[in-house]
Amino acid sequence: MASGWLHDLRMRVYQHLQKLSLSYYSTHEPGRFFSTLTTDIQTIEGFASSSTLTILVDMLTILCMLGLMFWLNWDFTLIAVAVTPFLLLFVSRFKKR
């Protein structure tokens, strides 16, 4: 899913590294530099994939819970859903203080 833009990121980094002068590589340790670069790209890849999955699972959980709530007691669910924006507003204002 995210491999396309990760491939583009790797290619852009590679192209940038090809443009650097040889004097840059003589003043910086290439092994440490490439190791850090590889680790950073893997971290971005892990974050993107795990975050996407987490968001998807959370949204599915909320939708299923709302469906079950409507099925069990639709009128109480409507009241709870109607109150939710006010509750979020109150929490955001309280959080700022």
PDB file of N, CA and C in Angstrom:
ATOM      1  N   MET A   1       0.824  -1.187   0.000  1.00  0.00           N
ATOM      2  CA  MET A   1       0.000   0.000   0.000  1.00  0.00           C
ATOM      3  C   MET A   1       0.874   1.259   0.000  1.00  0.00           C
ATOM      4  N   ALA A   2       1.804   1.358   0.922  1.00  0.00           N
ATOM      5  CA  ALA A   2       2.636   2.548   1.006  1.00  0.00           C
ATOM      6  C   ALA A   2       3.968   2.355   0.292  1.00  0.00           C
ATOM      7  N   SER A   3       4.156   1.229  -0.365  1.00  0.00           N
ATOM      8  CA  SER A   3       5.451   0.942  -0.969  1.00  0.00           C
ATOM      9  C   SER A   3       5.769   1.883  -2.119  1.00  0.00           C
ATOM     10  N   GLY A   4       4.756   2.408  -2.817  1.00  0.00           N
ATOM     11  CA  GLY A   4       5.000   3.322  -3.928  1.00  0.00           C
ATOM     12  C   GLY A   4       5.686   4.603  -3.490  1.00  0.00           C
ATOM     13  N   TRP A   5       5.147   5.248  -2.491  1.00  0.00           N
ATOM     14  CA  TRP A   5       5.758   6.500  -2.055  1.00  0.00           C
ATOM     15  C   TRP A   5       7.049   6.261  -1.289  1.00  0.00           C
ATOM     16  N   LEU A   6       7.188   5.089  -0.666  1.00  0.00           N
ATOM     17  CA  LEU A   6       8.452   4.770  -0.011  1.00  0.00           C
ATOM     18  C   LEU A   6       9.540   4.525  -1.055  1.00  0.00           C
ATOM     19  N   HIS A   7       9.174   3.899  -2.143  1.00  0.00           N
ATOM     20  CA  HIS A   7      10.134   3.704  -3.235  1.00  0.00           C
ATOM     21  C   HIS A   7      10.562   5.062  -3.792  1.00  0.00           C
ATOM     22  N   ASP A   8       9.604   5.971  -3.962  1.00  0.00           N
ATOM     23  CA  ASP A   8       9.921   7.322  -4.439  1.00  0.00           C
ATOM     24  C   ASP A   8      10.849   8.041  -3.466  1.00  0.00           C
ATOM     25  N   LEU A   9      10.587   7.879  -2.167  1.00  0.00           N
ATOM     26  CA  LEU A   9      11.438   8.497  -1.157  1.00  0.00           C
ATOM     27  C   LEU A   9      12.860   7.957  -1.250  1.00  0.00           C
ATOM     28  N   ARG A  10      12.991   6.652  -1.363  1.00  0.00           N
ATOM     29  CA  ARG A  10      14.324   6.048  -1.486  1.00  0.00           C
ATOM     30  C   ARG A  10      15.044   6.532  -2.749  1.00  0.00           C
ATOM     31  N   MET A  11      14.297   6.633  -3.846  1.00  0.00           N
ATOM     32  CA  MET A  11      14.902   7.093  -5.097  1.00  0.00           C
ATOM     33  C   MET A  11      15.339   8.555  -5.005  1.00  0.00           C
ATOM     34  N   ARG A  12      14.538   9.387  -4.363  1.00  0.00           N
ATOM     35  CA  ARG A  12      14.914  10.794  -4.204  1.00  0.00           C
ATOM     36  C   ARG A  12      16.150  10.940  -3.332  1.00  0.00           C
ATOM     37  N   VAL A  13      16.222  10.137  -2.266  1.00  0.00           N
ATOM     38  CA  VAL A  13      17.405  10.171  -1.402  1.00  0.00           C
ATOM     39  C   VAL A  13      18.628   9.700  -2.182  1.00  0.00           C
ATOM     40  N   TYR A  14      18.479   8.618  -2.938  1.00  0.00           N
ATOM     41  CA  TYR A  14      19.588   8.094  -3.734  1.00  0.00           C
ATOM     42  C   TYR A  14      20.066   9.126  -4.744  1.00  0.00           C
ATOM     43  N   GLN A  15      19.130   9.778  -5.427  1.00  0.00           N
ATOM     44  CA  GLN A  15      19.504  10.799  -6.403  1.00  0.00           C
ATOM     45  C   GLN A  15      20.214  11.975  -5.745  1.00  0.00           C
ATOM     46  N   HIS A  16      19.768  12.336  -4.559  1.00  0.00           N
ATOM     47  CA  HIS A  16      20.424  13.418  -3.826  1.00  0.00           C
ATOM     48  C   HIS A  16      21.843  13.013  -3.431  1.00  0.00           C
ATOM     49  N   LEU A  17      22.012  11.784  -2.983  1.00  0.00           N
ATOM     50  CA  LEU A  17      23.338  11.317  -2.585  1.00  0.00           C
ATOM     51  C   LEU A  17      24.292  11.261  -3.773  1.00  0.00           C
ATOM     52  N   GLN A  18      23.761  10.969  -4.952  1.00  0.00           N
ATOM     53  CA  GLN A  18      24.591  10.927  -6.154  1.00  0.00           C
ATOM     54  C   GLN A  18      25.097  12.320  -6.530  1.00  0.00           C
ATOM     55  N   LYS A  19      24.369  13.356  -6.143  1.00  0.00           N
ATOM     56  CA  LYS A  19      24.753  14.722  -6.491  1.00  0.00           C
ATOM     57  C   LYS A  19      25.775  15.317  -5.528  1.00  0.00           C
ATOM     58  N   LEU A  20      25.953  14.676  -4.380  1.00  0.00           N
ATOM     59  CA  LEU A  20      26.902  15.206  -3.398  1.00  0.00           C
ATOM     60  C   LEU A  20      28.329  15.042  -3.915  1.00  0.00           C
ATOM     61  N   SER A  21      29.183  15.964  -3.525  1.00  0.00           N
ATOM     62  CA  SER A  21      30.572  15.908  -3.969  1.00  0.00           C
ATOM     63  C   SER A  21      31.334  14.827  -3.215  1.00  0.00           C
ATOM     64  N   LEU A  22      32.464  14.423  -3.783  1.00  0.00           N
ATOM     65  CA  LEU A  22      33.295  13.415  -3.121  1.00  0.00           C
ATOM     66  C   LEU A  22      33.899  13.949  -1.834  1.00  0.00           C
ATOM     67  N   SER A  23      34.084  15.254  -1.752  1.00  0.00           N
ATOM     68  CA  SER A  23      34.632  15.839  -0.525  1.00  0.00           C
ATOM     69  C   SER A  23      33.660  15.671   0.647  1.00  0.00           C
ATOM     70  N   TYR A  24      32.373  15.640   0.346  1.00  0.00           N
ATOM     71  CA  TYR A  24      31.385  15.410   1.406  1.00  0.00           C
ATOM     72  C   TYR A  24      31.606  14.032   2.029  1.00  0.00           C
ATOM     73  N   TYR A  25      31.832  13.039   1.188  1.00  0.00           N
ATOM     74  CA  TYR A  25      32.017  11.682   1.696  1.00  0.00           C
ATOM     75  C   TYR A  25      33.358  11.508   2.388  1.00  0.00           C
ATOM     76  N   SER A  26      34.329  12.364   2.076  1.00  0.00           N
ATOM     77  CA  SER A  26      35.618  12.261   2.765  1.00  0.00           C
ATOM     78  C   SER A  26      35.553  12.878   4.160  1.00  0.00           C
ATOM     79  N   THR A  27      34.604  13.785   4.386  1.00  0.00           N
ATOM     80  CA  THR A  27      34.478  14.408   5.708  1.00  0.00           C
ATOM     81  C   THR A  27      33.416  13.740   6.580  1.00  0.00           C
ATOM     82  N   HIS A  28      32.563  12.921   5.994  1.00  0.00           N
ATOM     83  CA  HIS A  28      31.513  12.216   6.740  1.00  0.00           C
ATOM     84  C   HIS A  28      31.712  10.713   6.583  1.00  0.00           C
ATOM     85  N   GLU A  29      31.442   9.986   7.634  1.00  0.00           N
ATOM     86  CA  GLU A  29      31.583   8.529   7.579  1.00  0.00           C
ATOM     87  C   GLU A  29      30.421   7.935   6.780  1.00  0.00           C
ATOM     88  N   PRO A  30      30.687   7.367   5.610  1.00  0.00           N
ATOM     89  CA  PRO A  30      29.604   6.831   4.776  1.00  0.00           C
ATOM     90  C   PRO A  30      28.842   5.685   5.445  1.00  0.00           C
ATOM     91  N   GLY A  31      29.511   4.819   6.168  1.00  0.00           N
ATOM     92  CA  GLY A  31      28.839   3.689   6.806  1.00  0.00           C
ATOM     93  C   GLY A  31      27.794   4.139   7.808  1.00  0.00           C
ATOM     94  N   ARG A  32      28.180   5.039   8.674  1.00  0.00           N
ATOM     95  CA  ARG A  32      27.257   5.555   9.683  1.00  0.00           C
ATOM     96  C   ARG A  32      26.117   6.334   9.019  1.00  0.00           C
ATOM     97  N   PHE A  33      26.476   7.110   8.014  1.00  0.00           N
ATOM     98  CA  PHE A  33      25.496   7.909   7.297  1.00  0.00           C
ATOM     99  C   PHE A  33      24.440   7.028   6.634  1.00  0.00           C
ATOM    100  N   PHE A  34      24.870   5.995   5.912  1.00  0.00           N
ATOM    101  CA  PHE A  34      23.927   5.114   5.219  1.00  0.00           C
ATOM    102  C   PHE A  34      23.126   4.265   6.203  1.00  0.00           C
ATOM    103  N   SER A  35      23.748   3.898   7.297  1.00  0.00           N
ATOM    104  CA  SER A  35      23.029   3.135   8.320  1.00  0.00           C
ATOM    105  C   SER A  35      21.915   3.977   8.929  1.00  0.00           C
ATOM    106  N   THR A  36      22.219   5.209   9.253  1.00  0.00           N
ATOM    107  CA  THR A  36      21.212   6.117   9.801  1.00  0.00           C
ATOM    108  C   THR A  36      20.100   6.366   8.794  1.00  0.00           C
ATOM    109  N   LEU A  37      20.477   6.560   7.552  1.00  0.00           N
ATOM    110  CA  LEU A  37      19.500   6.805   6.500  1.00  0.00           C
ATOM    111  C   LEU A  37      18.563   5.618   6.323  1.00  0.00           C
ATOM    112  N   THR A  38      19.116   4.420   6.287  1.00  0.00           N
ATOM    113  CA  THR A  38      18.310   3.209   6.137  1.00  0.00           C
ATOM    114  C   THR A  38      17.369   3.029   7.319  1.00  0.00           C
ATOM    115  N   THR A  39      17.875   3.250   8.514  1.00  0.00           N
ATOM    116  CA  THR A  39      17.060   3.119   9.717  1.00  0.00           C
ATOM    117  C   THR A  39      15.922   4.136   9.720  1.00  0.00           C
ATOM    118  N   ASP A  40      16.210   5.367   9.317  1.00  0.00           N
ATOM    119  CA  ASP A  40      15.175   6.402   9.282  1.00  0.00           C
ATOM    120  C   ASP A  40      14.060   6.047   8.295  1.00  0.00           C
ATOM    121  N   ILE A  41      14.419   5.562   7.130  1.00  0.00           N
ATOM    122  CA  ILE A  41      13.406   5.194   6.136  1.00  0.00           C
ATOM    123  C   ILE A  41      12.587   4.010   6.633  1.00  0.00           C
ATOM    124  N   GLN A  42      13.217   3.047   7.291  1.00  0.00           N
ATOM    125  CA  GLN A  42      12.469   1.918   7.853  1.00  0.00           C
ATOM    126  C   GLN A  42      11.536   2.372   8.966  1.00  0.00           C
ATOM    127  N   THR A  43      11.960   3.348   9.751  1.00  0.00           N
ATOM    128  CA  THR A  43      11.106   3.892  10.810  1.00  0.00           C
ATOM    129  C   THR A  43       9.882   4.578  10.209  1.00  0.00           C
ATOM    130  N   ILE A  44      10.090   5.348   9.153  1.00  0.00           N
ATOM    131  CA  ILE A  44       8.968   6.002   8.476  1.00  0.00           C
ATOM    132  C   ILE A  44       8.006   4.957   7.928  1.00  0.00           C
ATOM    133  N   GLU A  45       8.564   3.899   7.315  1.00  0.00           N
ATOM    134  CA  GLU A  45       7.728   2.837   6.761  1.00  0.00           C
ATOM    135  C   GLU A  45       6.915   2.140   7.854  1.00  0.00           C
ATOM    136  N   GLY A  46       7.548   1.824   8.982  1.00  0.00           N
ATOM    137  CA  GLY A  46       6.844   1.180  10.089  1.00  0.00           C
ATOM    138  C   GLY A  46       5.766   2.055  10.673  1.00  0.00           C
ATOM    139  N   PHE A  47       6.063   3.340  10.835  1.00  0.00           N
ATOM    140  CA  PHE A  47       5.077   4.269  11.374  1.00  0.00           C
ATOM    141  C   PHE A  47       3.880   4.389  10.446  1.00  0.00           C
ATOM    142  N   ALA A  48       4.146   4.526   9.149  1.00  0.00           N
ATOM    143  CA  ALA A  48       3.060   4.687   8.179  1.00  0.00           C
ATOM    144  C   ALA A  48       2.171   3.456   8.137  1.00  0.00           C
ATOM    145  N   SER A  49       2.769   2.286   8.129  1.00  0.00           N
ATOM    146  CA  SER A  49       1.952   1.071   8.029  1.00  0.00           C
ATOM    147  C   SER A  49       1.192   0.790   9.317  1.00  0.00           C
ATOM    148  N   SER A  50       1.828   0.968  10.469  1.00  0.00           N
ATOM    149  CA  SER A  50       1.132   0.688  11.727  1.00  0.00           C
ATOM    150  C   SER A  50       0.063   1.738  12.014  1.00  0.00           C
ATOM    151  N   SER A  51       0.323   2.995  11.681  1.00  0.00           N
ATOM    152  CA  SER A  51      -0.671   4.045  11.910  1.00  0.00           C
ATOM    153  C   SER A  51      -1.888   3.846  11.029  1.00  0.00           C
ATOM    154  N   THR A  52      -1.663   3.467   9.781  1.00  0.00           N
ATOM    155  CA  THR A  52      -2.779   3.243   8.868  1.00  0.00           C
ATOM    156  C   THR A  52      -3.657   2.110   9.367  1.00  0.00           C
ATOM    157  N   LEU A  53      -3.047   1.043   9.805  1.00  0.00           N
ATOM    158  CA  LEU A  53      -3.803  -0.100  10.322  1.00  0.00           C
ATOM    159  C   LEU A  53      -4.551   0.271  11.596  1.00  0.00           C
ATOM    160  N   THR A  54      -3.910   0.997  12.487  1.00  0.00           N
ATOM    161  CA  THR A  54      -4.543   1.399  13.742  1.00  0.00           C
ATOM    162  C   THR A  54      -5.754   2.291  13.478  1.00  0.00           C
ATOM    163  N   ILE A  55      -5.609   3.251  12.575  1.00  0.00           N
ATOM    164  CA  ILE A  55      -6.726   4.140  12.256  1.00  0.00           C
ATOM    165  C   ILE A  55      -7.881   3.350  11.659  1.00  0.00           C
ATOM    166  N   LEU A  56      -7.578   2.425  10.767  1.00  0.00           N
ATOM    167  CA  LEU A  56      -8.616   1.609  10.140  1.00  0.00           C
ATOM    168  C   LEU A  56      -9.358   0.762  11.179  1.00  0.00           C
ATOM    169  N   VAL A  57      -8.611   0.128  12.086  1.00  0.00           N
ATOM    170  CA  VAL A  57      -9.234  -0.705  13.117  1.00  0.00           C
ATOM    171  C   VAL A  57     -10.079   0.151  14.060  1.00  0.00           C
ATOM    172  N   ASP A  58      -9.580   1.318  14.437  1.00  0.00           N
ATOM    173  CA  ASP A  58     -10.338   2.203  15.333  1.00  0.00           C
ATOM    174  C   ASP A  58     -11.636   2.687  14.688  1.00  0.00           C
ATOM    175  N   MET A  59     -11.574   3.057  13.405  1.00  0.00           N
ATOM    176  CA  MET A  59     -12.792   3.505  12.722  1.00  0.00           C
ATOM    177  C   MET A  59     -13.807   2.370  12.608  1.00  0.00           C
ATOM    178  N   LEU A  60     -13.333   1.179  12.298  1.00  0.00           N
ATOM    179  CA  LEU A  60     -14.235   0.031  12.200  1.00  0.00           C
ATOM    180  C   LEU A  60     -14.860  -0.293  13.555  1.00  0.00           C
ATOM    181  N   THR A  61     -14.076  -0.181  14.612  1.00  0.00           N
ATOM    182  CA  THR A  61     -14.595  -0.423  15.957  1.00  0.00           C
ATOM    183  C   THR A  61     -15.684   0.581  16.319  1.00  0.00           C
ATOM    184  N   ILE A  62     -15.446   1.857  16.026  1.00  0.00           N
ATOM    185  CA  ILE A  62     -16.449   2.887  16.332  1.00  0.00           C
ATOM    186  C   ILE A  62     -17.730   2.647  15.553  1.00  0.00           C
ATOM    187  N   LEU A  63     -17.606   2.330  14.266  1.00  0.00           N
ATOM    188  CA  LEU A  63     -18.796   2.079  13.459  1.00  0.00           C
ATOM    189  C   LEU A  63     -19.579   0.871  13.965  1.00  0.00           C
ATOM    190  N   CYS A  64     -18.874  -0.188  14.329  1.00  0.00           N
ATOM    191  CA  CYS A  64     -19.560  -1.372  14.859  1.00  0.00           C
ATOM    192  C   CYS A  64     -20.241  -1.070  16.194  1.00  0.00           C
ATOM    193  N   MET A  65     -19.571  -0.302  17.046  1.00  0.00           N
ATOM    194  CA  MET A  65     -20.174   0.052  18.331  1.00  0.00           C
ATOM    195  C   MET A  65     -21.427   0.908  18.141  1.00  0.00           C
ATOM    196  N   LEU A  66     -21.355   1.867  17.216  1.00  0.00           N
ATOM    197  CA  LEU A  66     -22.532   2.687  16.947  1.00  0.00           C
ATOM    198  C   LEU A  66     -23.676   1.857  16.368  1.00  0.00           C
ATOM    199  N   GLY A  67     -23.349   0.933  15.481  1.00  0.00           N
ATOM    200  CA  GLY A  67     -24.370   0.046  14.927  1.00  0.00           C
ATOM    201  C   GLY A  67     -25.039  -0.788  15.999  1.00  0.00           C
ATOM    202  N   LEU A  68     -24.241  -1.332  16.903  1.00  0.00           N
ATOM    203  CA  LEU A  68     -24.786  -2.132  18.002  1.00  0.00           C
ATOM    204  C   LEU A  68     -25.629  -1.271  18.943  1.00  0.00           C
ATOM    205  N   MET A  69     -25.154  -0.060  19.202  1.00  0.00           N
ATOM    206  CA  MET A  69     -25.925   0.834  20.066  1.00  0.00           C
ATOM    207  C   MET A  69     -27.280   1.173  19.438  1.00  0.00           C
ATOM    208  N   PHE A  70     -27.301   1.472  18.135  1.00  0.00           N
ATOM    209  CA  PHE A  70     -28.568   1.745  17.453  1.00  0.00           C
ATOM    210  C   PHE A  70     -29.486   0.530  17.491  1.00  0.00           C
ATOM    211  N   TRP A  71     -28.927  -0.635  17.338  1.00  0.00           N
ATOM    212  CA  TRP A  71     -29.726  -1.861  17.335  1.00  0.00           C
ATOM    213  C   TRP A  71     -30.318  -2.132  18.718  1.00  0.00           C
ATOM    214  N   LEU A  72     -29.533  -1.879  19.787  1.00  0.00           N
ATOM    215  CA  LEU A  72     -30.008  -2.143  21.145  1.00  0.00           C
ATOM    216  C   LEU A  72     -31.013  -1.097  21.634  1.00  0.00           C
ATOM    217  N   ASN A  73     -30.693   0.182  21.407  1.00  0.00           N
ATOM    218  CA  ASN A  73     -31.555   1.242  21.924  1.00  0.00           C
ATOM    219  C   ASN A  73     -31.329   2.496  21.083  1.00  0.00           C
ATOM    220  N   TRP A  74     -32.078   2.635  20.005  1.00  0.00           N
ATOM    221  CA  TRP A  74     -31.828   3.685  19.033  1.00  0.00           C
ATOM    222  C   TRP A  74     -32.083   5.086  19.583  1.00  0.00           C
ATOM    223  N   ASP A  75     -33.088   5.262  20.444  1.00  0.00           N
ATOM    224  CA  ASP A  75     -33.386   6.599  20.941  1.00  0.00           C
ATOM    225  C   ASP A  75     -32.310   7.102  21.900  1.00  0.00           C
ATOM    226  N   PHE A  76     -31.805   6.231  22.756  1.00  0.00           N
ATOM    227  CA  PHE A  76     -30.721   6.616  23.658  1.00  0.00           C
ATOM    228  C   PHE A  76     -29.439   6.896  22.867  1.00  0.00           C
ATOM    229  N   THR A  77     -29.210   6.133  21.810  1.00  0.00           N
ATOM    230  CA  THR A  77     -28.033   6.342  20.965  1.00  0.00           C
ATOM    231  C   THR A  77     -28.097   7.706  20.292  1.00  0.00           C
ATOM    232  N   LEU A  78     -29.267   8.112  19.818  1.00  0.00           N
ATOM    233  CA  LEU A  78     -29.406   9.429  19.205  1.00  0.00           C
ATOM    234  C   LEU A  78     -29.089  10.542  20.196  1.00  0.00           C
ATOM    235  N   ILE A  79     -29.518  10.365  21.433  1.00  0.00           N
ATOM    236  CA  ILE A  79     -29.215  11.358  22.474  1.00  0.00           C
ATOM    237  C   ILE A  79     -27.709  11.411  22.719  1.00  0.00           C
ATOM    238  N   ALA A  80     -27.085  10.244  22.828  1.00  0.00           N
ATOM    239  CA  ALA A  80     -25.643  10.180  23.073  1.00  0.00           C
ATOM    240  C   ALA A  80     -24.857  10.801  21.919  1.00  0.00           C
ATOM    241  N   VAL A  81     -25.279  10.537  20.699  1.00  0.00           N
ATOM    242  CA  VAL A  81     -24.589  11.101  19.536  1.00  0.00           C
ATOM    243  C   VAL A  81     -24.806  12.609  19.468  1.00  0.00           C
ATOM    244  N   ALA A  82     -25.976  13.086  19.843  1.00  0.00           N
ATOM    245  CA  ALA A  82     -26.266  14.520  19.819  1.00  0.00           C
ATOM    246  C   ALA A  82     -25.440  15.272  20.863  1.00  0.00           C
ATOM    247  N   VAL A  83     -25.147  14.650  21.983  1.00  0.00           N
ATOM    248  CA  VAL A  83     -24.401  15.293  23.062  1.00  0.00           C
ATOM    249  C   VAL A  83     -22.899  15.274  22.784  1.00  0.00           C
ATOM    250  N   THR A  84     -22.442  14.381  21.951  1.00  0.00           N
ATOM    251  CA  THR A  84     -21.013  14.192  21.721  1.00  0.00           C
ATOM    252  C   THR A  84     -20.282  15.461  21.278  1.00  0.00           C
ATOM    253  N   PRO A  85     -20.773  16.265  20.320  1.00  0.00           N
ATOM    254  CA  PRO A  85     -20.033  17.483  19.940  1.00  0.00           C
ATOM    255  C   PRO A  85     -19.834  18.455  21.104  1.00  0.00           C
ATOM    256  N   PHE A  86     -20.854  18.595  21.949  1.00  0.00           N
ATOM    257  CA  PHE A  86     -20.727  19.482  23.107  1.00  0.00           C
ATOM    258  C   PHE A  86     -19.707  18.951  24.105  1.00  0.00           C
ATOM    259  N   LEU A  87     -19.681  17.652  24.268  1.00  0.00           N
ATOM    260  CA  LEU A  87     -18.710  17.031  25.160  1.00  0.00           C
ATOM    261  C   LEU A  87     -17.291  17.233  24.623  1.00  0.00           C
ATOM    262  N   LEU A  88     -17.099  17.067  23.328  1.00  0.00           N
ATOM    263  CA  LEU A  88     -15.781  17.289  22.725  1.00  0.00           C
ATOM    264  C   LEU A  88     -15.337  18.736  22.858  1.00  0.00           C
ATOM    265  N   LEU A  89     -16.264  19.672  22.695  1.00  0.00           N
ATOM    266  CA  LEU A  89     -15.959  21.088  22.866  1.00  0.00           C
ATOM    267  C   LEU A  89     -15.542  21.379  24.303  1.00  0.00           C
ATOM    268  N   PHE A  90     -16.279  20.831  25.265  1.00  0.00           N
ATOM    269  CA  PHE A  90     -15.952  21.024  26.674  1.00  0.00           C
ATOM    270  C   PHE A  90     -14.578  20.450  27.001  1.00  0.00           C
ATOM    271  N   VAL A  91     -14.292  19.271  26.506  1.00  0.00           N
ATOM    272  CA  VAL A  91     -13.006  18.627  26.779  1.00  0.00           C
ATOM    273  C   VAL A  91     -11.867  19.417  26.152  1.00  0.00           C
ATOM    274  N   SER A  92     -12.050  19.911  24.929  1.00  0.00           N
ATOM    275  CA  SER A  92     -10.974  20.676  24.278  1.00  0.00           C
ATOM    276  C   SER A  92     -10.704  21.982  25.022  1.00  0.00           C
ATOM    277  N   ARG A  93     -11.740  22.638  25.499  1.00  0.00           N
ATOM    278  CA  ARG A  93     -11.532  23.871  26.274  1.00  0.00           C
ATOM    279  C   ARG A  93     -10.890  23.588  27.621  1.00  0.00           C
ATOM    280  N   PHE A  94     -11.305  22.516  28.258  1.00  0.00           N
ATOM    281  CA  PHE A  94     -10.722  22.139  29.545  1.00  0.00           C
ATOM    282  C   PHE A  94      -9.260  21.735  29.376  1.00  0.00           C
ATOM    283  N   LYS A  95      -8.961  21.081  28.273  1.00  0.00           N
ATOM    284  CA  LYS A  95      -7.605  20.622  28.004  1.00  0.00           C
ATOM    285  C   LYS A  95      -6.655  21.796  27.811  1.00  0.00           C
ATOM    286  N   LYS A  96      -7.133  22.890  27.216  1.00  0.00           N
ATOM    287  CA  LYS A  96      -6.288  24.061  26.991  1.00  0.00           C
ATOM    288  C   LYS A  96      -5.891  24.724  28.302  1.00  0.00           C
ATOM    289  N   ARG A  97      -6.780  24.675  29.265  1.00  0.00           N
ATOM    290  CA  ARG A  97      -6.497  25.300  30.563  1.00  0.00           C
ATOM    291  C   ARG A  97      -5.581  24.414  31.345  1.00  0.00           C
TER     292      ARG A  97
END
